[in-house]
Amino acid sequence: SHRTHTRSISFWSGYWDKEIDPVTIPNTDAQIIFMGLSEAPQIIKKLLEMGKPANTKFIAASNLGRENEKILITDLGSAESELASAKLENPTLIAIGLDHL
């Protein structure tokens, strides 16, 4: 993280097992979410409800390092609609709040 922009970062799984309580989303400046594509709409909604600004940078990257790699860079407020049209595939890594990138 860049210390003048991001002082705290969390790494967590975006896979939410329906048989257990949903994950508590950490309140950090930036977040890296593994395997969060299918839960992305719920994650986005929760982050906005928690007070994350809609203009927070949102990056979703699928198949990193492969020839079919796709990267979506947008903001949190537009992420849900842009994800729907981006046609990303798993595995997808999501980064939120890395505004200096």
N, C-alpha and C. Protein backbone atom coordinates (compact mmCIF):
# COMPACT_ATOMS: atom_id res chain seq x y z
N SER A 1 0.83 -1.18 0.00
CA SER A 1 0.00 0.00 0.00
C SER A 1 0.87 1.24 0.00
N HIS A 2 0.36 2.33 -0.46
CA HIS A 2 1.06 3.59 -0.50
C HIS A 2 0.67 4.37 0.75
N ARG A 3 1.63 4.67 1.61
CA ARG A 3 1.31 5.17 2.96
C ARG A 3 0.58 6.50 2.97
N THR A 4 0.68 7.31 1.92
CA THR A 4 -0.07 8.57 1.92
C THR A 4 -1.51 8.39 1.45
N HIS A 5 -1.82 7.22 0.91
CA HIS A 5 -3.18 6.96 0.43
C HIS A 5 -3.88 5.84 1.20
N THR A 6 -3.14 4.83 1.56
CA THR A 6 -3.71 3.64 2.16
C THR A 6 -2.87 3.24 3.37
N ARG A 7 -3.48 3.30 4.54
CA ARG A 7 -2.73 2.93 5.75
C ARG A 7 -3.12 1.54 6.25
N SER A 8 -4.25 1.04 5.82
CA SER A 8 -4.66 -0.30 6.25
C SER A 8 -5.24 -1.06 5.06
N ILE A 9 -4.98 -2.35 5.05
CA ILE A 9 -5.45 -3.20 3.95
C ILE A 9 -5.85 -4.56 4.53
N SER A 10 -6.90 -5.14 3.97
CA SER A 10 -7.33 -6.46 4.42
C SER A 10 -7.41 -7.39 3.22
N PHE A 11 -7.20 -8.65 3.48
CA PHE A 11 -7.28 -9.70 2.47
C PHE A 11 -8.31 -10.71 2.96
N TRP A 12 -9.32 -11.02 2.15
CA TRP A 12 -10.34 -11.95 2.61
C TRP A 12 -11.02 -12.67 1.45
N SER A 13 -11.68 -13.75 1.79
CA SER A 13 -12.37 -14.56 0.80
C SER A 13 -13.76 -13.99 0.54
N GLY A 14 -14.09 -13.87 -0.73
CA GLY A 14 -15.41 -13.38 -1.11
C GLY A 14 -16.43 -14.50 -1.22
N TYR A 15 -16.00 -15.71 -0.97
CA TYR A 15 -16.93 -16.84 -1.03
C TYR A 15 -17.68 -16.92 0.29
N TRP A 16 -19.00 -16.79 0.22
CA TRP A 16 -19.82 -16.81 1.42
C TRP A 16 -20.65 -18.08 1.42
N ASP A 17 -20.34 -18.99 2.30
CA ASP A 17 -21.08 -20.23 2.45
C ASP A 17 -22.47 -19.90 3.01
N LYS A 18 -23.49 -20.33 2.34
CA LYS A 18 -24.86 -20.01 2.75
C LYS A 18 -25.26 -20.70 4.05
N GLU A 19 -24.48 -21.67 4.49
CA GLU A 19 -24.79 -22.40 5.72
C GLU A 19 -24.24 -21.72 6.98
N ILE A 20 -23.35 -20.74 6.80
CA ILE A 20 -22.79 -20.05 7.96
C ILE A 20 -23.08 -18.55 7.84
N ASP A 21 -22.87 -17.83 8.92
CA ASP A 21 -23.11 -16.39 8.91
C ASP A 21 -22.23 -15.72 7.86
N PRO A 22 -22.76 -14.69 7.18
CA PRO A 22 -21.94 -13.97 6.20
C PRO A 22 -20.71 -13.35 6.86
N VAL A 23 -19.69 -13.19 6.07
CA VAL A 23 -18.45 -12.60 6.55
C VAL A 23 -18.69 -11.16 6.98
N THR A 24 -18.01 -10.74 8.01
CA THR A 24 -18.03 -9.34 8.40
C THR A 24 -16.97 -8.64 7.57
N ILE A 25 -17.38 -7.64 6.83
CA ILE A 25 -16.45 -6.95 5.96
C ILE A 25 -15.57 -6.03 6.81
N PRO A 26 -14.26 -6.19 6.71
CA PRO A 26 -13.35 -5.35 7.50
C PRO A 26 -13.45 -3.88 7.10
N ASN A 27 -13.29 -3.00 8.05
CA ASN A 27 -13.31 -1.57 7.79
C ASN A 27 -11.87 -1.08 7.62
N THR A 28 -11.29 -1.34 6.45
CA THR A 28 -9.93 -0.93 6.15
C THR A 28 -9.95 0.01 4.95
N ASP A 29 -8.86 0.74 4.76
CA ASP A 29 -8.78 1.68 3.63
C ASP A 29 -8.88 0.95 2.29
N ALA A 30 -8.22 -0.20 2.20
CA ALA A 30 -8.22 -0.97 0.96
C ALA A 30 -8.49 -2.43 1.28
N GLN A 31 -9.04 -3.12 0.30
CA GLN A 31 -9.39 -4.53 0.49
C GLN A 31 -9.05 -5.32 -0.76
N ILE A 32 -8.52 -6.51 -0.54
CA ILE A 32 -8.27 -7.45 -1.62
C ILE A 32 -9.16 -8.65 -1.34
N ILE A 33 -9.99 -9.00 -2.31
CA ILE A 33 -10.97 -10.06 -2.10
C ILE A 33 -10.71 -11.17 -3.12
N PHE A 34 -10.48 -12.36 -2.60
CA PHE A 34 -10.25 -13.54 -3.43
C PHE A 34 -11.58 -14.22 -3.70
N MET A 35 -11.79 -14.70 -4.91
CA MET A 35 -12.97 -15.49 -5.26
C MET A 35 -14.27 -14.75 -4.90
N GLY A 36 -14.34 -13.47 -5.24
CA GLY A 36 -15.51 -12.68 -4.87
C GLY A 36 -16.45 -12.34 -6.00
N LEU A 37 -16.23 -12.89 -7.17
CA LEU A 37 -17.03 -12.51 -8.32
C LEU A 37 -18.52 -12.78 -8.14
N SER A 38 -18.88 -13.96 -7.68
CA SER A 38 -20.31 -14.29 -7.56
C SER A 38 -20.99 -13.50 -6.44
N GLU A 39 -20.23 -13.06 -5.45
CA GLU A 39 -20.80 -12.28 -4.35
C GLU A 39 -20.56 -10.78 -4.52
N ALA A 40 -19.97 -10.37 -5.63
CA ALA A 40 -19.60 -8.97 -5.83
C ALA A 40 -20.77 -8.00 -5.63
N PRO A 41 -21.97 -8.26 -6.16
CA PRO A 41 -23.06 -7.31 -5.93
C PRO A 41 -23.36 -7.09 -4.44
N GLN A 42 -23.34 -8.16 -3.66
CA GLN A 42 -23.60 -8.04 -2.23
C GLN A 42 -22.45 -7.31 -1.53
N ILE A 43 -21.23 -7.60 -1.94
CA ILE A 43 -20.06 -6.95 -1.36
C ILE A 43 -20.10 -5.45 -1.64
N ILE A 44 -20.38 -5.09 -2.87
CA ILE A 44 -20.47 -3.67 -3.26
C ILE A 44 -21.54 -2.96 -2.45
N LYS A 45 -22.71 -3.57 -2.35
CA LYS A 45 -23.82 -2.97 -1.59
C LYS A 45 -23.42 -2.75 -0.14
N LYS A 46 -22.81 -3.77 0.48
CA LYS A 46 -22.40 -3.66 1.88
C LYS A 46 -21.37 -2.56 2.07
N LEU A 47 -20.38 -2.48 1.18
CA LEU A 47 -19.36 -1.45 1.31
C LEU A 47 -19.96 -0.05 1.21
N LEU A 48 -20.88 0.15 0.28
CA LEU A 48 -21.54 1.45 0.16
C LEU A 48 -22.38 1.75 1.40
N GLU A 49 -23.06 0.73 1.94
CA GLU A 49 -23.84 0.91 3.17
C GLU A 49 -22.94 1.26 4.35
N MET A 50 -21.71 0.73 4.34
CA MET A 50 -20.75 1.01 5.41
C MET A 50 -20.15 2.41 5.30
N GLY A 51 -20.45 3.11 4.23
CA GLY A 51 -19.96 4.47 4.07
C GLY A 51 -18.78 4.65 3.13
N LYS A 52 -18.39 3.57 2.42
CA LYS A 52 -17.32 3.73 1.43
C LYS A 52 -17.84 4.68 0.34
N PRO A 53 -17.07 5.69 -0.03
CA PRO A 53 -17.51 6.61 -1.08
C PRO A 53 -17.71 5.89 -2.42
N ALA A 54 -18.72 6.33 -3.17
CA ALA A 54 -19.02 5.72 -4.46
C ALA A 54 -17.88 5.89 -5.45
N ASN A 55 -17.02 6.90 -5.24
CA ASN A 55 -15.92 7.13 -6.17
C ASN A 55 -14.65 6.36 -5.80
N THR A 56 -14.76 5.44 -4.83
CA THR A 56 -13.62 4.58 -4.46
C THR A 56 -13.26 3.68 -5.63
N LYS A 57 -11.96 3.57 -5.92
CA LYS A 57 -11.53 2.75 -7.06
C LYS A 57 -11.88 1.28 -6.82
N PHE A 58 -12.37 0.62 -7.87
CA PHE A 58 -12.75 -0.79 -7.86
C PHE A 58 -12.05 -1.46 -9.04
N ILE A 59 -11.29 -2.49 -8.75
CA ILE A 59 -10.59 -3.24 -9.80
C ILE A 59 -10.98 -4.71 -9.68
N ALA A 60 -11.38 -5.30 -10.76
CA ALA A 60 -11.66 -6.74 -10.81
C ALA A 60 -10.81 -7.33 -11.92
N ALA A 61 -10.05 -8.35 -11.59
CA ALA A 61 -9.13 -8.96 -12.55
C ALA A 61 -9.37 -10.46 -12.59
N SER A 62 -9.69 -10.96 -13.76
CA SER A 62 -9.92 -12.39 -13.89
C SER A 62 -8.82 -13.03 -14.72
N ASN A 63 -8.52 -14.27 -14.37
CA ASN A 63 -7.52 -15.06 -15.09
C ASN A 63 -6.18 -14.33 -15.23
N LEU A 64 -5.73 -13.73 -14.13
CA LEU A 64 -4.47 -12.99 -14.15
C LEU A 64 -3.31 -13.85 -14.63
N GLY A 65 -2.53 -13.31 -15.53
CA GLY A 65 -1.35 -14.00 -16.04
C GLY A 65 -1.64 -15.01 -17.14
N ARG A 66 -2.90 -15.12 -17.51
CA ARG A 66 -3.27 -16.04 -18.58
C ARG A 66 -3.58 -15.25 -19.84
N GLU A 67 -3.62 -15.93 -20.98
CA GLU A 67 -3.88 -15.21 -22.22
C GLU A 67 -5.29 -14.65 -22.30
N ASN A 68 -6.22 -15.18 -21.48
CA ASN A 68 -7.59 -14.67 -21.47
C ASN A 68 -7.84 -13.73 -20.28
N GLU A 69 -6.76 -13.11 -19.79
CA GLU A 69 -6.86 -12.17 -18.68
C GLU A 69 -7.76 -10.99 -19.05
N LYS A 70 -8.59 -10.57 -18.09
CA LYS A 70 -9.44 -9.39 -18.26
C LYS A 70 -9.35 -8.57 -16.99
N ILE A 71 -9.26 -7.25 -17.14
CA ILE A 71 -9.20 -6.36 -15.99
C ILE A 71 -10.22 -5.24 -16.18
N LEU A 72 -11.04 -5.06 -15.18
CA LEU A 72 -12.03 -3.99 -15.15
C LEU A 72 -11.58 -2.98 -14.10
N ILE A 73 -11.47 -1.72 -14.48
CA ILE A 73 -11.14 -0.65 -13.54
C ILE A 73 -12.27 0.37 -13.60
N THR A 74 -12.90 0.59 -12.47
CA THR A 74 -14.04 1.50 -12.40
C THR A 74 -14.10 2.05 -10.97
N ASP A 75 -15.26 2.56 -10.59
CA ASP A 75 -15.43 3.00 -9.21
C ASP A 75 -16.53 2.17 -8.56
N LEU A 76 -16.57 2.22 -7.25
CA LEU A 76 -17.49 1.38 -6.49
C LEU A 76 -18.95 1.64 -6.88
N GLY A 77 -19.30 2.89 -7.14
CA GLY A 77 -20.67 3.22 -7.50
C GLY A 77 -21.11 2.66 -8.84
N SER A 78 -20.19 2.44 -9.75
CA SER A 78 -20.50 1.91 -11.09
C SER A 78 -20.17 0.43 -11.23
N ALA A 79 -19.54 -0.13 -10.23
CA ALA A 79 -18.98 -1.49 -10.36
C ALA A 79 -20.02 -2.56 -10.67
N GLU A 80 -21.16 -2.53 -9.99
CA GLU A 80 -22.13 -3.60 -10.21
C GLU A 80 -22.60 -3.65 -11.65
N SER A 81 -22.97 -2.52 -12.23
CA SER A 81 -23.44 -2.53 -13.61
C SER A 81 -22.32 -2.84 -14.60
N GLU A 82 -21.12 -2.35 -14.33
CA GLU A 82 -20.00 -2.63 -15.23
C GLU A 82 -19.55 -4.09 -15.16
N LEU A 83 -19.64 -4.69 -13.97
CA LEU A 83 -19.31 -6.11 -13.84
C LEU A 83 -20.25 -6.97 -14.68
N ALA A 84 -21.51 -6.59 -14.72
CA ALA A 84 -22.51 -7.36 -15.47
C ALA A 84 -22.16 -7.41 -16.96
N SER A 85 -21.61 -6.33 -17.48
CA SER A 85 -21.30 -6.31 -18.91
C SER A 85 -19.86 -6.73 -19.22
N ALA A 86 -19.00 -6.81 -18.20
CA ALA A 86 -17.59 -7.14 -18.43
C ALA A 86 -17.35 -8.62 -18.74
N LYS A 87 -18.28 -9.47 -18.36
CA LYS A 87 -18.17 -10.91 -18.63
C LYS A 87 -16.86 -11.51 -18.10
N LEU A 88 -16.54 -11.17 -16.84
CA LEU A 88 -15.35 -11.75 -16.20
C LEU A 88 -15.63 -13.18 -15.81
N GLU A 89 -14.57 -13.97 -15.66
CA GLU A 89 -14.69 -15.37 -15.27
C GLU A 89 -13.87 -15.60 -14.01
N ASN A 90 -14.19 -16.66 -13.30
CA ASN A 90 -13.37 -17.06 -12.17
C ASN A 90 -12.13 -17.77 -12.69
N PRO A 91 -11.01 -17.63 -12.02
CA PRO A 91 -10.83 -16.94 -10.76
C PRO A 91 -10.72 -15.43 -10.97
N THR A 92 -11.35 -14.69 -10.06
CA THR A 92 -11.32 -13.23 -10.11
C THR A 92 -10.84 -12.67 -8.78
N LEU A 93 -9.94 -11.73 -8.87
CA LEU A 93 -9.43 -11.03 -7.71
C LEU A 93 -10.01 -9.62 -7.75
N ILE A 94 -10.53 -9.14 -6.63
CA ILE A 94 -11.11 -7.80 -6.56
C ILE A 94 -10.27 -6.95 -5.62
N ALA A 95 -9.96 -5.74 -6.04
CA ALA A 95 -9.23 -4.79 -5.20
C ALA A 95 -10.07 -3.53 -5.09
N ILE A 96 -10.28 -3.09 -3.87
CA ILE A 96 -11.12 -1.92 -3.61
C ILE A 96 -10.31 -0.93 -2.77
N GLY A 97 -10.31 0.33 -3.19
CA GLY A 97 -9.68 1.37 -2.39
C GLY A 97 -8.22 1.62 -2.69
N LEU A 98 -7.69 1.02 -3.72
CA LEU A 98 -6.29 1.28 -4.10
C LEU A 98 -6.29 2.45 -5.08
N ASP A 99 -6.71 3.61 -4.57
CA ASP A 99 -6.92 4.77 -5.44
C ASP A 99 -5.66 5.33 -6.06
N HIS A 100 -4.50 4.98 -5.54
CA HIS A 100 -3.25 5.49 -6.08
C HIS A 100 -2.74 4.69 -7.28
N LEU A 101 -3.40 3.61 -7.63
CA LEU A 101 -2.96 2.81 -8.79
C LEU A 101 -3.52 3.37 -10.07
